[in-house]
Amino acid sequence: TTDPYFRDWEATRKNTFIQLAAGGYHSAAVASDGYV
């Protein structure tokens, strides 16, 4: 997709994720850059 909401996600290609969490209908992850 070219949706602008995904711009921040493109930056995560340089990082890896280190922790996951899942709610009822949403998800979250901590990246190696320290951001959620």
PDB file of all heavy atoms in Angstrom:
ATOM      1  N   THR A   1       0.831  -1.196   0.000  1.00  0.00           N
ATOM      2  CA  THR A   1       0.000   0.000   0.000  1.00  0.00           C
ATOM      3  C   THR A   1       0.868   1.250   0.000  1.00  0.00           C
ATOM      4  O   THR A   1       2.037   1.213   0.384  1.00  0.00           O
ATOM      5  CB  THR A   1      -0.923   0.029   1.235  1.00  0.00           C
ATOM      6  OG1 THR A   1      -1.727   1.198   1.190  1.00  0.00           O
ATOM      7  CG2 THR A   1      -0.121   0.029   2.518  1.00  0.00           C
ATOM      8  N   THR A   2       0.291   2.349  -0.442  1.00  0.00           N
ATOM      9  CA  THR A   2       0.982   3.637  -0.392  1.00  0.00           C
ATOM     10  C   THR A   2       0.340   4.544   0.656  1.00  0.00           C
ATOM     11  O   THR A   2       0.599   5.738   0.689  1.00  0.00           O
ATOM     12  CB  THR A   2       0.919   4.320  -1.772  1.00  0.00           C
ATOM     13  OG1 THR A   2      -0.461   4.463  -2.155  1.00  0.00           O
ATOM     14  CG2 THR A   2       1.665   3.508  -2.815  1.00  0.00           C
ATOM     15  N   ASP A   3      -0.507   3.975   1.497  1.00  0.00           N
ATOM     16  CA  ASP A   3      -1.198   4.741   2.529  1.00  0.00           C
ATOM     17  C   ASP A   3      -0.174   5.479   3.401  1.00  0.00           C
ATOM     18  O   ASP A   3       0.789   4.884   3.889  1.00  0.00           O
ATOM     19  CB  ASP A   3      -2.025   3.784   3.397  1.00  0.00           C
ATOM     20  CG  ASP A   3      -2.995   4.534   4.311  1.00  0.00           C
ATOM     21  OD1 ASP A   3      -2.558   5.492   4.968  1.00  0.00           O
ATOM     22  OD2 ASP A   3      -4.174   4.139   4.356  1.00  0.00           O
ATOM     23  N   PRO A   4      -0.345   6.799   3.627  1.00  0.00           N
ATOM     24  CA  PRO A   4       0.638   7.551   4.426  1.00  0.00           C
ATOM     25  C   PRO A   4       0.781   7.058   5.853  1.00  0.00           C
ATOM     26  O   PRO A   4       1.790   7.304   6.506  1.00  0.00           O
ATOM     27  CB  PRO A   4       0.083   8.994   4.394  1.00  0.00           C
ATOM     28  CG  PRO A   4      -1.362   8.851   4.044  1.00  0.00           C
ATOM     29  CD  PRO A   4      -1.419   7.669   3.122  1.00  0.00           C
ATOM     30  N   TYR A   5      -0.234   6.353   6.388  1.00  0.00           N
ATOM     31  CA  TYR A   5      -0.126   5.825   7.744  1.00  0.00           C
ATOM     32  C   TYR A   5       1.031   4.838   7.880  1.00  0.00           C
ATOM     33  O   TYR A   5       1.492   4.555   8.984  1.00  0.00           O
ATOM     34  CB  TYR A   5      -1.419   5.117   8.154  1.00  0.00           C
ATOM     35  CG  TYR A   5      -2.515   6.054   8.610  1.00  0.00           C
ATOM     36  CD1 TYR A   5      -3.727   6.103   7.932  1.00  0.00           C
ATOM     37  CD2 TYR A   5      -2.335   6.882   9.711  1.00  0.00           C
ATOM     38  CE1 TYR A   5      -4.742   6.956   8.344  1.00  0.00           C
ATOM     39  CE2 TYR A   5      -3.336   7.742  10.128  1.00  0.00           C
ATOM     40  CZ  TYR A   5      -4.545   7.771   9.447  1.00  0.00           C
ATOM     41  OH  TYR A   5      -5.539   8.613   9.849  1.00  0.00           O
ATOM     42  N   PHE A   6       1.521   4.318   6.756  1.00  0.00           N
ATOM     43  CA  PHE A   6       2.544   3.288   6.809  1.00  0.00           C
ATOM     44  C   PHE A   6       3.957   3.857   6.742  1.00  0.00           C
ATOM     45  O   PHE A   6       4.915   3.107   6.760  1.00  0.00           O
ATOM     46  CB  PHE A   6       2.341   2.288   5.666  1.00  0.00           C
ATOM     47  CG  PHE A   6       1.090   1.481   5.802  1.00  0.00           C
ATOM     48  CD1 PHE A   6      -0.107   1.932   5.289  1.00  0.00           C
ATOM     49  CD2 PHE A   6       1.092   0.274   6.475  1.00  0.00           C
ATOM     50  CE1 PHE A   6      -1.273   1.206   5.429  1.00  0.00           C
ATOM     51  CE2 PHE A   6      -0.064  -0.454   6.619  1.00  0.00           C
ATOM     52  CZ  PHE A   6      -1.247   0.010   6.094  1.00  0.00           C
ATOM     53  N   ARG A   7       4.078   5.185   6.700  1.00  0.00           N
ATOM     54  CA  ARG A   7       5.413   5.767   6.588  1.00  0.00           C
ATOM     55  C   ARG A   7       6.298   5.378   7.764  1.00  0.00           C
ATOM     56  O   ARG A   7       7.461   5.024   7.599  1.00  0.00           O
ATOM     57  CB  ARG A   7       5.307   7.298   6.496  1.00  0.00           C
ATOM     58  CG  ARG A   7       4.716   7.784   5.174  1.00  0.00           C
ATOM     59  CD  ARG A   7       4.509   9.293   5.207  1.00  0.00           C
ATOM     60  NE  ARG A   7       3.840   9.759   3.998  1.00  0.00           N
ATOM     61  CZ  ARG A   7       3.273  10.953   3.888  1.00  0.00           C
ATOM     62  NH1 ARG A   7       3.297  11.787   4.924  1.00  0.00           N
ATOM     63  NH2 ARG A   7       2.684  11.316   2.769  1.00  0.00           N
ATOM     64  N   ASP A   8       5.739   5.470   8.983  1.00  0.00           N
ATOM     65  CA  ASP A   8       6.531   5.115  10.162  1.00  0.00           C
ATOM     66  C   ASP A   8       6.923   3.651  10.135  1.00  0.00           C
ATOM     67  O   ASP A   8       7.978   3.260  10.634  1.00  0.00           O
ATOM     68  CB  ASP A   8       5.764   5.431  11.445  1.00  0.00           C
ATOM     69  CG  ASP A   8       5.650   6.923  11.695  1.00  0.00           C
ATOM     70  OD1 ASP A   8       6.448   7.672  11.111  1.00  0.00           O
ATOM     71  OD2 ASP A   8       4.765   7.326  12.462  1.00  0.00           O
ATOM     72  N   TRP A   9       6.047   2.824   9.569  1.00  0.00           N
ATOM     73  CA  TRP A   9       6.351   1.396   9.519  1.00  0.00           C
ATOM     74  C   TRP A   9       7.512   1.109   8.579  1.00  0.00           C
ATOM     75  O   TRP A   9       8.264   0.165   8.803  1.00  0.00           O
ATOM     76  CB  TRP A   9       5.112   0.617   9.077  1.00  0.00           C
ATOM     77  CG  TRP A   9       4.181   0.385  10.208  1.00  0.00           C
ATOM     78  CD1 TRP A   9       3.115   1.142  10.552  1.00  0.00           C
ATOM     79  CD2 TRP A   9       4.251  -0.663  11.174  1.00  0.00           C
ATOM     80  NE1 TRP A   9       2.505   0.633  11.676  1.00  0.00           N
ATOM     81  CE2 TRP A   9       3.185  -0.477  12.075  1.00  0.00           C
ATOM     82  CE3 TRP A   9       5.113  -1.747  11.358  1.00  0.00           C
ATOM     83  CZ2 TRP A   9       2.947  -1.323  13.136  1.00  0.00           C
ATOM     84  CZ3 TRP A   9       4.890  -2.596  12.421  1.00  0.00           C
ATOM     85  CH2 TRP A   9       3.817  -2.381  13.295  1.00  0.00           C
ATOM     86  N   GLU A  10       7.655   1.913   7.542  1.00  0.00           N
ATOM     87  CA  GLU A  10       8.772   1.699   6.620  1.00  0.00           C
ATOM     88  C   GLU A  10      10.101   1.845   7.352  1.00  0.00           C
ATOM     89  O   GLU A  10      11.073   1.167   7.052  1.00  0.00           O
ATOM     90  CB  GLU A  10       8.687   2.686   5.454  1.00  0.00           C
ATOM     91  CG  GLU A  10       7.557   2.381   4.488  1.00  0.00           C
ATOM     92  CD  GLU A  10       7.658   0.964   3.929  1.00  0.00           C
ATOM     93  OE1 GLU A  10       8.731   0.596   3.423  1.00  0.00           O
ATOM     94  OE2 GLU A  10       6.671   0.224   4.035  1.00  0.00           O
ATOM     95  N   ALA A  11      10.131   2.751   8.333  1.00  0.00           N
ATOM     96  CA  ALA A  11      11.359   2.958   9.098  1.00  0.00           C
ATOM     97  C   ALA A  11      11.720   1.727   9.909  1.00  0.00           C
ATOM     98  O   ALA A  11      12.890   1.488  10.213  1.00  0.00           O
ATOM     99  CB  ALA A  11      11.201   4.169  10.019  1.00  0.00           C
ATOM    100  N   THR A  12      10.729   0.924  10.271  1.00  0.00           N
ATOM    101  CA  THR A  12      11.013  -0.250  11.103  1.00  0.00           C
ATOM    102  C   THR A  12      11.740  -1.334  10.326  1.00  0.00           C
ATOM    103  O   THR A  12      12.227  -2.295  10.917  1.00  0.00           O
ATOM    104  CB  THR A  12       9.722  -0.846  11.688  1.00  0.00           C
ATOM    105  OG1 THR A  12       8.922  -1.385  10.627  1.00  0.00           O
ATOM    106  CG2 THR A  12       8.935   0.189  12.448  1.00  0.00           C
ATOM    107  N   ARG A  13      11.810  -1.211   9.028  1.00  0.00           N
ATOM    108  CA  ARG A  13      12.567  -2.204   8.259  1.00  0.00           C
ATOM    109  C   ARG A  13      14.031  -2.194   8.664  1.00  0.00           C
ATOM    110  O   ARG A  13      14.754  -3.164   8.462  1.00  0.00           O
ATOM    111  CB  ARG A  13      12.428  -1.937   6.760  1.00  0.00           C
ATOM    112  CG  ARG A  13      11.019  -2.159   6.228  1.00  0.00           C
ATOM    113  CD  ARG A  13      10.955  -1.914   4.735  1.00  0.00           C
ATOM    114  NE  ARG A  13       9.607  -2.030   4.222  1.00  0.00           N
ATOM    115  CZ  ARG A  13       9.028  -3.172   3.881  1.00  0.00           C
ATOM    116  NH1 ARG A  13       9.682  -4.303   4.009  1.00  0.00           N
ATOM    117  NH2 ARG A  13       7.800  -3.188   3.413  1.00  0.00           N
ATOM    118  N   LYS A  14      14.489  -1.063   9.233  1.00  0.00           N
ATOM    119  CA  LYS A  14      15.877  -0.966   9.688  1.00  0.00           C
ATOM    120  C   LYS A  14      16.029  -1.537  11.095  1.00  0.00           C
ATOM    121  O   LYS A  14      17.148  -1.692  11.580  1.00  0.00           O
ATOM    122  CB  LYS A  14      16.322   0.496   9.679  1.00  0.00           C
ATOM    123  CG  LYS A  14      16.233   1.154   8.300  1.00  0.00           C
ATOM    124  CD  LYS A  14      16.611   2.620   8.384  1.00  0.00           C
ATOM    125  CE  LYS A  14      16.475   3.299   7.028  1.00  0.00           C
ATOM    126  NZ  LYS A  14      16.808   4.747   7.112  1.00  0.00           N
ATOM    127  N   ASN A  15      14.911  -1.803  11.766  1.00  0.00           N
ATOM    128  CA  ASN A  15      14.926  -2.308  13.126  1.00  0.00           C
ATOM    129  C   ASN A  15      14.410  -3.739  13.175  1.00  0.00           C
ATOM    130  O   ASN A  15      13.947  -4.287  12.179  1.00  0.00           O
ATOM    131  CB  ASN A  15      14.040  -1.440  14.029  1.00  0.00           C
ATOM    132  CG  ASN A  15      14.464  -0.004  14.035  1.00  0.00           C
ATOM    133  OD1 ASN A  15      15.602   0.300  14.347  1.00  0.00           O
ATOM    134  ND2 ASN A  15      13.556   0.894  13.695  1.00  0.00           N
ATOM    135  N   THR A  16      14.482  -4.319  14.339  1.00  0.00           N
ATOM    136  CA  THR A  16      13.793  -5.586  14.598  1.00  0.00           C
ATOM    137  C   THR A  16      12.876  -5.357  15.788  1.00  0.00           C
ATOM    138  O   THR A  16      13.039  -4.394  16.540  1.00  0.00           O
ATOM    139  CB  THR A  16      14.784  -6.712  14.916  1.00  0.00           C
ATOM    140  OG1 THR A  16      15.593  -6.326  16.040  1.00  0.00           O
ATOM    141  CG2 THR A  16      15.674  -7.024  13.728  1.00  0.00           C
ATOM    142  N   PHE A  17      11.912  -6.228  15.943  1.00  0.00           N
ATOM    143  CA  PHE A  17      11.005  -6.131  17.078  1.00  0.00           C
ATOM    144  C   PHE A  17      11.474  -7.059  18.189  1.00  0.00           C
ATOM    145  O   PHE A  17      12.121  -8.087  17.928  1.00  0.00           O
ATOM    146  CB  PHE A  17       9.578  -6.461  16.647  1.00  0.00           C
ATOM    147  CG  PHE A  17       8.976  -5.407  15.764  1.00  0.00           C
ATOM    148  CD1 PHE A  17       8.975  -5.551  14.386  1.00  0.00           C
ATOM    149  CD2 PHE A  17       8.428  -4.270  16.319  1.00  0.00           C
ATOM    150  CE1 PHE A  17       8.434  -4.570  13.568  1.00  0.00           C
ATOM    151  CE2 PHE A  17       7.874  -3.277  15.509  1.00  0.00           C
ATOM    152  CZ  PHE A  17       7.883  -3.430  14.130  1.00  0.00           C
ATOM    153  N   ILE A  18      11.156  -6.711  19.428  1.00  0.00           N
ATOM    154  CA  ILE A  18      11.662  -7.489  20.555  1.00  0.00           C
ATOM    155  C   ILE A  18      10.564  -7.978  21.497  1.00  0.00           C
ATOM    156  O   ILE A  18      10.805  -8.856  22.323  1.00  0.00           O
ATOM    157  CB  ILE A  18      12.705  -6.688  21.360  1.00  0.00           C
ATOM    158  CG1 ILE A  18      12.114  -5.353  21.834  1.00  0.00           C
ATOM    159  CG2 ILE A  18      13.949  -6.440  20.515  1.00  0.00           C
ATOM    160  CD1 ILE A  18      13.077  -4.513  22.665  1.00  0.00           C
ATOM    161  N   GLN A  19       9.345  -7.413  21.384  1.00  0.00           N
ATOM    162  CA  GLN A  19       8.269  -7.849  22.280  1.00  0.00           C
ATOM    163  C   GLN A  19       6.918  -7.576  21.634  1.00  0.00           C
ATOM    164  O   GLN A  19       6.737  -6.577  20.938  1.00  0.00           O
ATOM    165  CB  GLN A  19       8.356  -7.124  23.618  1.00  0.00           C
ATOM    166  CG  GLN A  19       7.396  -7.654  24.672  1.00  0.00           C
ATOM    167  CD  GLN A  19       7.612  -6.988  26.021  1.00  0.00           C
ATOM    168  OE1 GLN A  19       8.487  -6.159  26.188  1.00  0.00           O
ATOM    169  NE2 GLN A  19       6.799  -7.354  26.995  1.00  0.00           N
ATOM    170  N   LEU A  20       5.964  -8.494  21.880  1.00  0.00           N
ATOM    171  CA  LEU A  20       4.636  -8.404  21.288  1.00  0.00           C
ATOM    172  C   LEU A  20       3.553  -8.310  22.352  1.00  0.00           C
ATOM    173  O   LEU A  20       3.720  -8.776  23.477  1.00  0.00           O
ATOM    174  CB  LEU A  20       4.348  -9.651  20.437  1.00  0.00           C
ATOM    175  CG  LEU A  20       5.259  -9.967  19.267  1.00  0.00           C
ATOM    176  CD1 LEU A  20       4.839 -11.288  18.642  1.00  0.00           C
ATOM    177  CD2 LEU A  20       5.231  -8.851  18.256  1.00  0.00           C
ATOM    178  N   ALA A  21       2.417  -7.738  21.962  1.00  0.00           N
ATOM    179  CA  ALA A  21       1.213  -7.744  22.789  1.00  0.00           C
ATOM    180  C   ALA A  21       0.009  -7.708  21.856  1.00  0.00           C
ATOM    181  O   ALA A  21       0.043  -7.061  20.805  1.00  0.00           O
ATOM    182  CB  ALA A  21       1.189  -6.549  23.737  1.00  0.00           C
ATOM    183  N   ALA A  22      -1.052  -8.425  22.228  1.00  0.00           N
ATOM    184  CA  ALA A  22      -2.268  -8.449  21.421  1.00  0.00           C
ATOM    185  C   ALA A  22      -3.478  -8.243  22.314  1.00  0.00           C
ATOM    186  O   ALA A  22      -3.619  -8.901  23.346  1.00  0.00           O
ATOM    187  CB  ALA A  22      -2.391  -9.779  20.673  1.00  0.00           C
ATOM    188  N   GLY A  23      -4.359  -7.320  21.909  1.00  0.00           N
ATOM    189  CA  GLY A  23      -5.619  -7.113  22.613  1.00  0.00           C
ATOM    190  C   GLY A  23      -6.736  -7.797  21.849  1.00  0.00           C
ATOM    191  O   GLY A  23      -6.496  -8.674  21.018  1.00  0.00           O
ATOM    192  N   GLY A  24      -7.963  -7.376  22.108  1.00  0.00           N
ATOM    193  CA  GLY A  24      -9.081  -7.994  21.425  1.00  0.00           C
ATOM    194  C   GLY A  24      -9.016  -7.825  19.926  1.00  0.00           C
ATOM    195  O   GLY A  24      -9.059  -8.797  19.166  1.00  0.00           O
ATOM    196  N   TYR A  25      -8.871  -6.575  19.469  1.00  0.00           N
ATOM    197  CA  TYR A  25      -8.844  -6.292  18.032  1.00  0.00           C
ATOM    198  C   TYR A  25      -7.731  -5.305  17.687  1.00  0.00           C
ATOM    199  O   TYR A  25      -7.843  -4.559  16.719  1.00  0.00           O
ATOM    200  CB  TYR A  25     -10.203  -5.733  17.586  1.00  0.00           C
ATOM    201  CG  TYR A  25     -11.331  -6.722  17.792  1.00  0.00           C
ATOM    202  CD1 TYR A  25     -12.127  -6.646  18.929  1.00  0.00           C
ATOM    203  CD2 TYR A  25     -11.570  -7.733  16.877  1.00  0.00           C
ATOM    204  CE1 TYR A  25     -13.152  -7.562  19.145  1.00  0.00           C
ATOM    205  CE2 TYR A  25     -12.588  -8.651  17.079  1.00  0.00           C
ATOM    206  CZ  TYR A  25     -13.377  -8.560  18.212  1.00  0.00           C
ATOM    207  OH  TYR A  25     -14.383  -9.477  18.419  1.00  0.00           O
ATOM    208  N   HIS A  26      -6.686  -5.287  18.483  1.00  0.00           N
ATOM    209  CA  HIS A  26      -5.541  -4.447  18.169  1.00  0.00           C
ATOM    210  C   HIS A  26      -4.271  -5.159  18.599  1.00  0.00           C
ATOM    211  O   HIS A  26      -4.314  -6.151  19.336  1.00  0.00           O
ATOM    212  CB  HIS A  26      -5.655  -3.081  18.869  1.00  0.00           C
ATOM    213  CG  HIS A  26      -5.556  -3.158  20.360  1.00  0.00           C
ATOM    214  ND1 HIS A  26      -6.572  -3.634  21.163  1.00  0.00           N
ATOM    215  CD2 HIS A  26      -4.543  -2.819  21.213  1.00  0.00           C
ATOM    216  CE1 HIS A  26      -6.208  -3.577  22.429  1.00  0.00           C
ATOM    217  NE2 HIS A  26      -4.979  -3.096  22.487  1.00  0.00           N
ATOM    218  N   SER A  27      -3.134  -4.663  18.108  1.00  0.00           N
ATOM    219  CA  SER A  27      -1.848  -5.281  18.401  1.00  0.00           C
ATOM    220  C   SER A  27      -0.798  -4.197  18.641  1.00  0.00           C
ATOM    221  O   SER A  27      -0.951  -3.058  18.195  1.00  0.00           O
ATOM    222  CB  SER A  27      -1.397  -6.170  17.233  1.00  0.00           C
ATOM    223  OG  SER A  27      -2.355  -7.163  16.950  1.00  0.00           O
ATOM    224  N   ALA A  28       0.271  -4.579  19.333  1.00  0.00           N
ATOM    225  CA  ALA A  28       1.354  -3.641  19.606  1.00  0.00           C
ATOM    226  C   ALA A  28       2.666  -4.404  19.694  1.00  0.00           C
ATOM    227  O   ALA A  28       2.692  -5.609  19.993  1.00  0.00           O
ATOM    228  CB  ALA A  28       1.096  -2.880  20.912  1.00  0.00           C
ATOM    229  N   ALA A  29       3.757  -3.697  19.421  1.00  0.00           N
ATOM    230  CA  ALA A  29       5.076  -4.325  19.488  1.00  0.00           C
ATOM    231  C   ALA A  29       6.117  -3.275  19.844  1.00  0.00           C
ATOM    232  O   ALA A  29       6.009  -2.112  19.440  1.00  0.00           O
ATOM    233  CB  ALA A  29       5.428  -4.975  18.157  1.00  0.00           C
ATOM    234  N   VAL A  30       7.120  -3.690  20.614  1.00  0.00           N
ATOM    235  CA  VAL A  30       8.261  -2.837  20.940  1.00  0.00           C
ATOM    236  C   VAL A  30       9.365  -3.142  19.935  1.00  0.00           C
ATOM    237  O   VAL A  30       9.709  -4.305  19.706  1.00  0.00           O
ATOM    238  CB  VAL A  30       8.771  -3.100  22.367  1.00  0.00           C
ATOM    239  CG1 VAL A  30       9.982  -2.224  22.666  1.00  0.00           C
ATOM    240  CG2 VAL A  30       7.666  -2.846  23.383  1.00  0.00           C
ATOM    241  N   ALA A  31       9.902  -2.091  19.313  1.00  0.00           N
ATOM    242  CA  ALA A  31      10.980  -2.260  18.337  1.00  0.00           C
ATOM    243  C   ALA A  31      12.328  -2.011  18.989  1.00  0.00           C
ATOM    244  O   ALA A  31      12.418  -1.467  20.102  1.00  0.00           O
ATOM    245  CB  ALA A  31      10.775  -1.307  17.162  1.00  0.00           C
ATOM    246  N   SER A  32      13.380  -2.399  18.293  1.00  0.00           N
ATOM    247  CA  SER A  32      14.730  -2.236  18.832  1.00  0.00           C
ATOM    248  C   SER A  32      15.126  -0.772  18.959  1.00  0.00           C
ATOM    249  O   SER A  32      16.113  -0.452  19.635  1.00  0.00           O
ATOM    250  CB  SER A  32      15.734  -2.977  17.950  1.00  0.00           C
ATOM    251  OG  SER A  32      15.654  -2.535  16.602  1.00  0.00           O
ATOM    252  N   ASP A  33      14.371   0.148  18.320  1.00  0.00           N
ATOM    253  CA  ASP A  33      14.659   1.572  18.484  1.00  0.00           C
ATOM    254  C   ASP A  33      14.006   2.147  19.736  1.00  0.00           C
ATOM    255  O   ASP A  33      14.120   3.333  20.028  1.00  0.00           O
ATOM    256  CB  ASP A  33      14.214   2.362  17.249  1.00  0.00           C
ATOM    257  CG  ASP A  33      12.716   2.247  16.963  1.00  0.00           C
ATOM    258  OD1 ASP A  33      11.999   1.635  17.782  1.00  0.00           O
ATOM    259  OD2 ASP A  33      12.271   2.747  15.912  1.00  0.00           O
ATOM    260  N   GLY A  34      13.263   1.297  20.501  1.00  0.00           N
ATOM    261  CA  GLY A  34      12.645   1.731  21.743  1.00  0.00           C
ATOM    262  C   GLY A  34      11.236   2.245  21.607  1.00  0.00           C
ATOM    263  O   GLY A  34      10.569   2.507  22.610  1.00  0.00           O
ATOM    264  N   TYR A  35      10.751   2.372  20.375  1.00  0.00           N
ATOM    265  CA  TYR A  35       9.395   2.863  20.156  1.00  0.00           C
ATOM    266  C   TYR A  35       8.388   1.715  20.148  1.00  0.00           C
ATOM    267  O   TYR A  35       8.729   0.577  19.807  1.00  0.00           O
ATOM    268  CB  TYR A  35       9.303   3.623  18.829  1.00  0.00           C
ATOM    269  CG  TYR A  35       9.959   4.989  18.857  1.00  0.00           C
ATOM    270  CD1 TYR A  35      11.251   5.164  18.365  1.00  0.00           C
ATOM    271  CD2 TYR A  35       9.287   6.086  19.380  1.00  0.00           C
ATOM    272  CE1 TYR A  35      11.870   6.411  18.396  1.00  0.00           C
ATOM    273  CE2 TYR A  35       9.897   7.343  19.410  1.00  0.00           C
ATOM    274  CZ  TYR A  35      11.183   7.497  18.919  1.00  0.00           C
ATOM    275  OH  TYR A  35      11.786   8.718  18.963  1.00  0.00           O
ATOM    276  N   VAL A  36       7.156   2.039  20.524  1.00  0.00           N
ATOM    277  CA  VAL A  36       6.056   1.087  20.457  1.00  0.00           C
ATOM    278  C   VAL A  36       5.252   1.373  19.193  1.00  0.00           C
ATOM    279  O   VAL A  36       4.879   2.527  18.938  1.00  0.00           O
ATOM    280  CB  VAL A  36       5.136   1.191  21.690  1.00  0.00           C
ATOM    281  CG1 VAL A  36       3.923   0.281  21.534  1.00  0.00           C
ATOM    282  CG2 VAL A  36       5.909   0.833  22.954  1.00  0.00           C
TER     283      VAL A  36
END
